[in-house]
Amino acid sequence: VDYLPSPTEVDAQPLTNPETGEPTGEVA
């Protein structure tokens, strides 16, 4: 409770381009 992050505190999941699998620069 004290030290592990909540879902809002971790780096957001990157979104990727479905064709190439490369990150698009956007996040969820």
PDB file of all heavy atoms in Angstrom:
ATOM      1  N   VAL A   1       0.831  -1.208   0.000  1.00  0.00           N
ATOM      2  CA  VAL A   1       0.000   0.000   0.000  1.00  0.00           C
ATOM      3  C   VAL A   1       0.870   1.264   0.000  1.00  0.00           C
ATOM      4  O   VAL A   1       0.610   2.225  -0.716  1.00  0.00           O
ATOM      5  CB  VAL A   1      -0.928  -0.033   1.238  1.00  0.00           C
ATOM      6  CG1 VAL A   1      -1.573   1.321   1.470  1.00  0.00           C
ATOM      7  CG2 VAL A   1      -1.998  -1.110   1.061  1.00  0.00           C
ATOM      8  N   ASP A   2       1.943   1.245   0.807  1.00  0.00           N
ATOM      9  CA  ASP A   2       2.760   2.455   0.963  1.00  0.00           C
ATOM     10  C   ASP A   2       3.692   2.731  -0.212  1.00  0.00           C
ATOM     11  O   ASP A   2       3.935   3.882  -0.550  1.00  0.00           O
ATOM     12  CB  ASP A   2       3.624   2.353   2.240  1.00  0.00           C
ATOM     13  CG  ASP A   2       2.785   2.501   3.507  1.00  0.00           C
ATOM     14  OD1 ASP A   2       1.642   2.983   3.397  1.00  0.00           O
ATOM     15  OD2 ASP A   2       3.273   2.126   4.593  1.00  0.00           O
ATOM     16  N   TYR A   3       4.268   1.661  -0.793  1.00  0.00           N
ATOM     17  CA  TYR A   3       5.380   1.902  -1.728  1.00  0.00           C
ATOM     18  C   TYR A   3       5.143   1.454  -3.167  1.00  0.00           C
ATOM     19  O   TYR A   3       5.803   1.936  -4.072  1.00  0.00           O
ATOM     20  CB  TYR A   3       6.668   1.242  -1.206  1.00  0.00           C
ATOM     21  CG  TYR A   3       6.999   1.667   0.209  1.00  0.00           C
ATOM     22  CD1 TYR A   3       7.257   0.727   1.206  1.00  0.00           C
ATOM     23  CD2 TYR A   3       7.036   3.017   0.557  1.00  0.00           C
ATOM     24  CE1 TYR A   3       7.548   1.125   2.509  1.00  0.00           C
ATOM     25  CE2 TYR A   3       7.322   3.416   1.854  1.00  0.00           C
ATOM     26  CZ  TYR A   3       7.575   2.472   2.833  1.00  0.00           C
ATOM     27  OH  TYR A   3       7.851   2.866   4.103  1.00  0.00           O
ATOM     28  N   LEU A   4       4.246   0.493  -3.390  1.00  0.00           N
ATOM     29  CA  LEU A   4       4.056   0.062  -4.787  1.00  0.00           C
ATOM     30  C   LEU A   4       3.090   1.022  -5.485  1.00  0.00           C
ATOM     31  O   LEU A   4       2.170   1.544  -4.871  1.00  0.00           O
ATOM     32  CB  LEU A   4       3.546  -1.373  -4.848  1.00  0.00           C
ATOM     33  CG  LEU A   4       4.599  -2.434  -4.497  1.00  0.00           C
ATOM     34  CD1 LEU A   4       4.005  -3.826  -4.572  1.00  0.00           C
ATOM     35  CD2 LEU A   4       5.833  -2.356  -5.393  1.00  0.00           C
ATOM     36  N   PRO A   5       3.299   1.247  -6.792  1.00  0.00           N
ATOM     37  CA  PRO A   5       2.528   2.283  -7.486  1.00  0.00           C
ATOM     38  C   PRO A   5       1.082   1.865  -7.760  1.00  0.00           C
ATOM     39  O   PRO A   5       0.790   0.679  -7.916  1.00  0.00           O
ATOM     40  CB  PRO A   5       3.290   2.459  -8.802  1.00  0.00           C
ATOM     41  CG  PRO A   5       4.051   1.200  -8.986  1.00  0.00           C
ATOM     42  CD  PRO A   5       4.331   0.645  -7.636  1.00  0.00           C
ATOM     43  N   SER A   6       0.202   2.860  -7.846  1.00  0.00           N
ATOM     44  CA  SER A   6      -1.170   2.612  -8.285  1.00  0.00           C
ATOM     45  C   SER A   6      -1.158   2.648  -9.820  1.00  0.00           C
ATOM     46  O   SER A   6      -0.169   3.077 -10.419  1.00  0.00           O
ATOM     47  CB  SER A   6      -2.075   3.707  -7.736  1.00  0.00           C
ATOM     48  OG  SER A   6      -1.828   4.905  -8.453  1.00  0.00           O
ATOM     49  N   PRO A   7      -2.252   2.212 -10.475  1.00  0.00           N
ATOM     50  CA  PRO A   7      -2.251   2.182 -11.955  1.00  0.00           C
ATOM     51  C   PRO A   7      -1.942   3.540 -12.586  1.00  0.00           C
ATOM     52  O   PRO A   7      -1.406   3.612 -13.684  1.00  0.00           O
ATOM     53  CB  PRO A   7      -3.682   1.756 -12.297  1.00  0.00           C
ATOM     54  CG  PRO A   7      -4.172   1.034 -11.095  1.00  0.00           C
ATOM     55  CD  PRO A   7      -3.490   1.637  -9.913  1.00  0.00           C
ATOM     56  N   THR A   8      -2.270   4.640 -11.878  1.00  0.00           N
ATOM     57  CA  THR A   8      -2.052   5.965 -12.492  1.00  0.00           C
ATOM     58  C   THR A   8      -0.595   6.402 -12.381  1.00  0.00           C
ATOM     59  O   THR A   8      -0.186   7.351 -13.029  1.00  0.00           O
ATOM     60  CB  THR A   8      -2.921   7.030 -11.803  1.00  0.00           C
ATOM     61  OG1 THR A   8      -2.692   6.930 -10.394  1.00  0.00           O
ATOM     62  CG2 THR A   8      -4.383   6.828 -12.086  1.00  0.00           C
ATOM     63  N   GLU A   9       0.189   5.709 -11.534  1.00  0.00           N
ATOM     64  CA  GLU A   9       1.560   6.184 -11.311  1.00  0.00           C
ATOM     65  C   GLU A   9       2.600   5.493 -12.182  1.00  0.00           C
ATOM     66  O   GLU A   9       3.749   5.892 -12.209  1.00  0.00           O
ATOM     67  CB  GLU A   9       1.938   5.974  -9.834  1.00  0.00           C
ATOM     68  CG  GLU A   9       1.192   6.920  -8.930  1.00  0.00           C
ATOM     69  CD  GLU A   9       1.344   6.539  -7.458  1.00  0.00           C
ATOM     70  OE1 GLU A   9       1.213   5.351  -7.129  1.00  0.00           O
ATOM     71  OE2 GLU A   9       1.609   7.430  -6.662  1.00  0.00           O
ATOM     72  N   VAL A  10       2.208   4.419 -12.849  1.00  0.00           N
ATOM     73  CA  VAL A  10       3.201   3.738 -13.690  1.00  0.00           C
ATOM     74  C   VAL A  10       3.176   4.373 -15.080  1.00  0.00           C
ATOM     75  O   VAL A  10       2.210   5.046 -15.441  1.00  0.00           O
ATOM     76  CB  VAL A  10       2.926   2.217 -13.816  1.00  0.00           C
ATOM     77  CG1 VAL A  10       3.160   1.512 -12.509  1.00  0.00           C
ATOM     78  CG2 VAL A  10       1.513   1.968 -14.292  1.00  0.00           C
ATOM     79  N   ASP A  11       4.247   4.135 -15.842  1.00  0.00           N
ATOM     80  CA  ASP A  11       4.280   4.682 -17.203  1.00  0.00           C
ATOM     81  C   ASP A  11       3.138   4.063 -18.003  1.00  0.00           C
ATOM     82  O   ASP A  11       2.960   2.845 -17.990  1.00  0.00           O
ATOM     83  CB  ASP A  11       5.620   4.342 -17.874  1.00  0.00           C
ATOM     84  CG  ASP A  11       6.761   5.053 -17.166  1.00  0.00           C
ATOM     85  OD1 ASP A  11       6.482   6.067 -16.514  1.00  0.00           O
ATOM     86  OD2 ASP A  11       7.913   4.574 -17.244  1.00  0.00           O
ATOM     87  N   ALA A  12       2.390   4.907 -18.702  1.00  0.00           N
ATOM     88  CA  ALA A  12       1.248   4.403 -19.470  1.00  0.00           C
ATOM     89  C   ALA A  12       1.725   3.476 -20.588  1.00  0.00           C
ATOM     90  O   ALA A  12       2.813   3.660 -21.135  1.00  0.00           O
ATOM     91  CB  ALA A  12       0.475   5.582 -20.045  1.00  0.00           C
ATOM     92  N   GLN A  13       0.905   2.478 -20.921  1.00  0.00           N
ATOM     93  CA  GLN A  13       1.256   1.507 -21.981  1.00  0.00           C
ATOM     94  C   GLN A  13       1.348   2.208 -23.335  1.00  0.00           C
ATOM     95  O   GLN A  13       0.424   2.940 -23.716  1.00  0.00           O
ATOM     96  CB  GLN A  13       0.156   0.439 -22.081  1.00  0.00           C
ATOM     97  CG  GLN A  13       0.249  -0.620 -21.025  1.00  0.00           C
ATOM     98  CD  GLN A  13       1.357  -1.620 -21.315  1.00  0.00           C
ATOM     99  OE1 GLN A  13       1.660  -1.941 -22.457  1.00  0.00           O
ATOM    100  NE2 GLN A  13       2.005  -2.096 -20.286  1.00  0.00           N
ATOM    101  N   PRO A  14       2.431   1.969 -24.087  1.00  0.00           N
ATOM    102  CA  PRO A  14       2.520   2.603 -25.409  1.00  0.00           C
ATOM    103  C   PRO A  14       1.562   1.944 -26.408  1.00  0.00           C
ATOM    104  O   PRO A  14       1.314   0.749 -26.327  1.00  0.00           O
ATOM    105  CB  PRO A  14       3.979   2.344 -25.818  1.00  0.00           C
ATOM    106  CG  PRO A  14       4.443   1.217 -24.979  1.00  0.00           C
ATOM    107  CD  PRO A  14       3.617   1.187 -23.742  1.00  0.00           C
ATOM    108  N   LEU A  15       1.043   2.758 -27.323  1.00  0.00           N
ATOM    109  CA  LEU A  15       0.235   2.203 -28.424  1.00  0.00           C
ATOM    110  C   LEU A  15       1.159   1.969 -29.603  1.00  0.00           C
ATOM    111  O   LEU A  15       2.121   2.705 -29.807  1.00  0.00           O
ATOM    112  CB  LEU A  15      -0.867   3.191 -28.814  1.00  0.00           C
ATOM    113  CG  LEU A  15      -1.871   3.539 -27.708  1.00  0.00           C
ATOM    114  CD1 LEU A  15      -2.891   4.545 -28.219  1.00  0.00           C
ATOM    115  CD2 LEU A  15      -2.579   2.306 -27.196  1.00  0.00           C
ATOM    116  N   THR A  16       0.878   0.924 -30.392  1.00  0.00           N
ATOM    117  CA  THR A  16       1.785   0.596 -31.499  1.00  0.00           C
ATOM    118  C   THR A  16       1.032   0.584 -32.822  1.00  0.00           C
ATOM    119  O   THR A  16      -0.197   0.484 -32.858  1.00  0.00           O
ATOM    120  CB  THR A  16       2.430  -0.795 -31.300  1.00  0.00           C
ATOM    121  OG1 THR A  16       1.379  -1.749 -31.146  1.00  0.00           O
ATOM    122  CG2 THR A  16       3.309  -0.839 -30.077  1.00  0.00           C
ATOM    123  N   ASN A  17       1.805   0.654 -33.890  1.00  0.00           N
ATOM    124  CA  ASN A  17       1.243   0.566 -35.229  1.00  0.00           C
ATOM    125  C   ASN A  17       1.007  -0.915 -35.540  1.00  0.00           C
ATOM    126  O   ASN A  17       1.947  -1.704 -35.521  1.00  0.00           O
ATOM    127  CB  ASN A  17       2.266   1.163 -36.203  1.00  0.00           C
ATOM    128  CG  ASN A  17       1.788   1.065 -37.636  1.00  0.00           C
ATOM    129  OD1 ASN A  17       1.069   0.153 -38.004  1.00  0.00           O
ATOM    130  ND2 ASN A  17       2.200   2.018 -38.444  1.00  0.00           N
ATOM    131  N   PRO A  18      -0.258  -1.322 -35.830  1.00  0.00           N
ATOM    132  CA  PRO A  18      -0.533  -2.749 -36.015  1.00  0.00           C
ATOM    133  C   PRO A  18       0.246  -3.365 -37.179  1.00  0.00           C
ATOM    134  O   PRO A  18       0.564  -4.552 -37.162  1.00  0.00           O
ATOM    135  CB  PRO A  18      -2.040  -2.801 -36.273  1.00  0.00           C
ATOM    136  CG  PRO A  18      -2.488  -1.395 -36.480  1.00  0.00           C
ATOM    137  CD  PRO A  18      -1.453  -0.491 -35.924  1.00  0.00           C
ATOM    138  N   GLU A  19       0.586  -2.560 -38.202  1.00  0.00           N
ATOM    139  CA  GLU A  19       1.311  -3.120 -39.357  1.00  0.00           C
ATOM    140  C   GLU A  19       2.771  -3.423 -38.986  1.00  0.00           C
ATOM    141  O   GLU A  19       3.283  -4.501 -39.218  1.00  0.00           O
ATOM    142  CB  GLU A  19       1.332  -2.124 -40.547  1.00  0.00           C
ATOM    143  CG  GLU A  19       0.012  -1.449 -40.833  1.00  0.00           C
ATOM    144  CD  GLU A  19      -0.967  -2.377 -41.527  1.00  0.00           C
ATOM    145  OE1 GLU A  19      -0.772  -2.621 -42.706  1.00  0.00           O
ATOM    146  OE2 GLU A  19      -1.917  -2.861 -40.868  1.00  0.00           O
ATOM    147  N   THR A  20       3.445  -2.424 -38.378  1.00  0.00           N
ATOM    148  CA  THR A  20       4.900  -2.562 -38.171  1.00  0.00           C
ATOM    149  C   THR A  20       5.264  -2.984 -36.755  1.00  0.00           C
ATOM    150  O   THR A  20       6.378  -3.441 -36.507  1.00  0.00           O
ATOM    151  CB  THR A  20       5.599  -1.211 -38.439  1.00  0.00           C
ATOM    152  OG1 THR A  20       5.078  -0.257 -37.502  1.00  0.00           O
ATOM    153  CG2 THR A  20       5.334  -0.722 -39.845  1.00  0.00           C
ATOM    154  N   GLY A  21       4.328  -2.794 -35.800  1.00  0.00           N
ATOM    155  CA  GLY A  21       4.676  -3.111 -34.402  1.00  0.00           C
ATOM    156  C   GLY A  21       5.503  -2.018 -33.740  1.00  0.00           C
ATOM    157  O   GLY A  21       5.911  -2.134 -32.595  1.00  0.00           O
ATOM    158  N   GLU A  22       5.757  -0.911 -34.485  1.00  0.00           N
ATOM    159  CA  GLU A  22       6.548   0.192 -33.913  1.00  0.00           C
ATOM    160  C   GLU A  22       5.653   1.084 -33.044  1.00  0.00           C
ATOM    161  O   GLU A  22       4.478   1.274 -33.365  1.00  0.00           O
ATOM    162  CB  GLU A  22       7.145   1.058 -35.041  1.00  0.00           C
ATOM    163  CG  GLU A  22       8.187   0.342 -35.882  1.00  0.00           C
ATOM    164  CD  GLU A  22       9.402  -0.090 -35.074  1.00  0.00           C
ATOM    165  OE1 GLU A  22       9.929   0.724 -34.318  1.00  0.00           O
ATOM    166  OE2 GLU A  22       9.787  -1.276 -35.190  1.00  0.00           O
ATOM    167  N   PRO A  23       6.206   1.675 -31.948  1.00  0.00           N
ATOM    168  CA  PRO A  23       5.386   2.583 -31.132  1.00  0.00           C
ATOM    169  C   PRO A  23       4.943   3.793 -31.945  1.00  0.00           C
ATOM    170  O   PRO A  23       5.699   4.310 -32.773  1.00  0.00           O
ATOM    171  CB  PRO A  23       6.336   3.016 -30.008  1.00  0.00           C
ATOM    172  CG  PRO A  23       7.438   2.021 -30.017  1.00  0.00           C
ATOM    173  CD  PRO A  23       7.543   1.485 -31.414  1.00  0.00           C
ATOM    174  N   THR A  24       3.710   4.262 -31.709  1.00  0.00           N
ATOM    175  CA  THR A  24       3.201   5.422 -32.457  1.00  0.00           C
ATOM    176  C   THR A  24       3.496   6.721 -31.721  1.00  0.00           C
ATOM    177  O   THR A  24       3.265   7.801 -32.238  1.00  0.00           O
ATOM    178  CB  THR A  24       1.669   5.336 -32.608  1.00  0.00           C
ATOM    179  OG1 THR A  24       1.108   5.261 -31.285  1.00  0.00           O
ATOM    180  CG2 THR A  24       1.241   4.126 -33.398  1.00  0.00           C
ATOM    181  N   GLY A  25       3.984   6.602 -30.474  1.00  0.00           N
ATOM    182  CA  GLY A  25       4.218   7.820 -29.690  1.00  0.00           C
ATOM    183  C   GLY A  25       3.040   8.147 -28.787  1.00  0.00           C
ATOM    184  O   GLY A  25       3.150   8.953 -27.876  1.00  0.00           O
ATOM    185  N   GLU A  26       1.874   7.501 -29.038  1.00  0.00           N
ATOM    186  CA  GLU A  26       0.716   7.714 -28.144  1.00  0.00           C
ATOM    187  C   GLU A  26       0.745   6.693 -27.014  1.00  0.00           C
ATOM    188  O   GLU A  26       1.383   5.647 -27.128  1.00  0.00           O
ATOM    189  CB  GLU A  26      -0.585   7.522 -28.930  1.00  0.00           C
ATOM    190  CG  GLU A  26      -0.940   8.655 -29.854  1.00  0.00           C
ATOM    191  CD  GLU A  26      -2.299   8.380 -30.490  1.00  0.00           C
ATOM    192  OE1 GLU A  26      -3.312   8.664 -29.837  1.00  0.00           O
ATOM    193  OE2 GLU A  26      -2.322   7.839 -31.615  1.00  0.00           O
ATOM    194  N   VAL A  27       0.024   6.983 -25.933  1.00  0.00           N
ATOM    195  CA  VAL A  27      -0.049   6.021 -24.822  1.00  0.00           C
ATOM    196  C   VAL A  27      -1.497   5.867 -24.365  1.00  0.00           C
ATOM    197  O   VAL A  27      -2.333   6.713 -24.648  1.00  0.00           O
ATOM    198  CB  VAL A  27       0.819   6.463 -23.607  1.00  0.00           C
ATOM    199  CG1 VAL A  27       2.285   6.431 -23.936  1.00  0.00           C
ATOM    200  CG2 VAL A  27       0.384   7.828 -23.091  1.00  0.00           C
ATOM    201  N   ALA A  28      -1.761   4.733 -23.665  1.00  0.00           N
ATOM    202  CA  ALA A  28      -3.099   4.493 -23.115  1.00  0.00           C
ATOM    203  C   ALA A  28      -3.146   5.120 -21.721  1.00  0.00           C
ATOM    204  O   ALA A  28      -2.724   4.507 -20.746  1.00  0.00           O
ATOM    205  CB  ALA A  28      -3.361   3.000 -23.036  1.00  0.00           C
TER     206      ALA A  28
END
